[in-house]
């Protein structure tokens, strides 16, 4: 079953689904900066475009171009920003 999610007045949109017993989402982010909170650990893979990410505990932003990924620990806040429309695949690990 697919579940549509819309955040930040539609600036971040995703489709949630389950594959091989794991929850996942694929989505798009328009240019902007957004803060997310996790319950469980996540792996964010950049599919198209480029994302910058920063964990709450980090002071510097790290850039992730298409084809790269970053992991976010459980029970964490993290910030994501995009300069151009970008897409991602999120695996709950």
Protein backbone atom coordinates (compact mmCIF):
# COMPACT_ATOMS: atom_id res chain seq x y z
CA UNK A 1 0.00 0.00 0.00
CA UNK A 2 1.30 3.46 -0.88
CA UNK A 3 0.97 6.39 1.50
CA UNK A 4 1.36 9.98 0.30
CA UNK A 5 3.07 12.38 2.73
CA UNK A 6 3.26 16.14 2.35
CA UNK A 7 5.40 18.37 4.58
CA UNK A 8 6.19 22.07 4.82
CA UNK A 9 3.20 23.25 2.77
CA UNK A 10 3.94 20.71 0.02
CA UNK A 11 7.62 21.64 -0.37
CA UNK A 12 8.62 18.08 0.58
CA UNK A 13 6.48 15.23 -0.76
CA UNK A 14 6.97 11.50 -0.48
CA UNK A 15 5.38 8.15 -1.13
CA UNK A 16 5.75 5.61 1.64
CA UNK A 17 5.73 1.87 1.03
CA UNK A 18 7.04 -1.40 2.40
CA UNK A 19 9.51 -3.60 0.51
CA UNK A 20 10.97 -6.87 1.80
CA UNK A 21 9.52 -6.09 5.23
CA UNK A 22 11.19 -2.66 5.47
CA UNK A 23 9.53 0.73 5.40
CA UNK A 24 10.83 3.10 2.75
CA UNK A 25 9.90 6.36 1.10
CA UNK A 26 10.78 8.08 -2.14
CA UNK A 27 10.29 11.79 -2.42
CA UNK A 28 11.07 15.21 -3.79
CA UNK A 29 12.32 18.38 -2.14
CA UNK A 30 12.03 21.85 -3.65
CA UNK A 31 14.69 24.49 -2.91
CA UNK A 32 14.69 25.41 0.76
CA UNK A 33 15.82 24.31 4.21
CA UNK A 34 13.85 21.83 6.32
CA UNK A 35 14.16 20.17 9.73
CA UNK A 36 13.10 16.57 10.35
CA UNK A 37 12.89 14.37 13.45
CA UNK A 38 13.47 10.61 13.34
CA UNK A 39 12.03 7.86 15.50
CA UNK A 40 14.18 5.14 13.93
CA UNK A 41 17.49 5.20 12.08
CA UNK A 42 17.33 6.21 8.41
CA UNK A 43 19.51 6.05 5.31
CA UNK A 44 18.85 8.88 2.86
CA UNK A 45 20.08 8.28 -0.70
CA UNK A 46 20.10 11.21 -3.10
CA UNK A 47 18.58 10.06 -6.39
CA UNK A 48 18.65 13.29 -8.37
CA UNK A 49 20.01 16.76 -7.68
CA UNK A 50 21.96 17.48 -4.51
CA UNK A 51 21.14 17.75 -0.83
CA UNK A 52 23.03 19.28 2.03
CA UNK A 53 22.49 17.73 5.46
CA UNK A 54 23.42 18.56 9.02
CA UNK A 55 22.70 16.56 12.16
CA UNK A 56 21.72 18.63 15.18
CA UNK A 57 24.99 17.65 16.84
CA UNK A 58 27.07 18.86 13.86
CA UNK A 59 27.96 22.45 13.15
CA UNK A 60 28.85 22.05 9.48
CA UNK A 61 26.72 21.14 6.47
CA UNK A 62 27.80 18.19 4.30
CA UNK A 63 26.93 18.07 0.59
CA UNK A 64 25.52 14.87 -0.94
CA UNK A 65 25.26 14.78 -4.74
CA UNK A 66 23.14 12.24 -6.64
CA UNK A 67 24.40 8.70 -6.06
CA UNK A 68 25.53 9.30 -2.46
CA UNK A 69 23.81 8.67 0.89
CA UNK A 70 23.93 9.62 4.54
CA UNK A 71 22.64 7.95 7.69
CA UNK A 72 20.71 9.51 10.53
CA UNK A 73 20.62 7.85 13.97
CA UNK A 74 17.33 7.10 15.73
CA UNK A 75 15.75 9.78 17.93
CA UNK A 76 17.62 12.59 16.14
CA UNK A 77 16.80 15.87 14.48
CA UNK A 78 18.48 16.70 11.21
CA UNK A 79 18.35 19.52 8.70
CA UNK A 80 18.23 19.18 4.92
CA UNK A 81 18.52 21.90 2.33
CA UNK A 82 18.31 21.90 -1.43
CA UNK A 83 19.44 24.56 -3.89
CA UNK A 84 17.56 22.92 -6.79
CA UNK A 85 14.65 20.45 -6.90
CA UNK A 86 16.04 17.10 -5.72
CA UNK A 87 14.78 13.58 -5.11
CA UNK A 88 15.63 11.02 -2.45
CA UNK A 89 15.05 7.45 -1.34
CA UNK A 90 14.80 6.89 2.41
CA UNK A 91 15.25 3.45 3.99
CA UNK A 92 14.30 2.95 7.62
CA UNK A 93 17.15 0.80 8.94
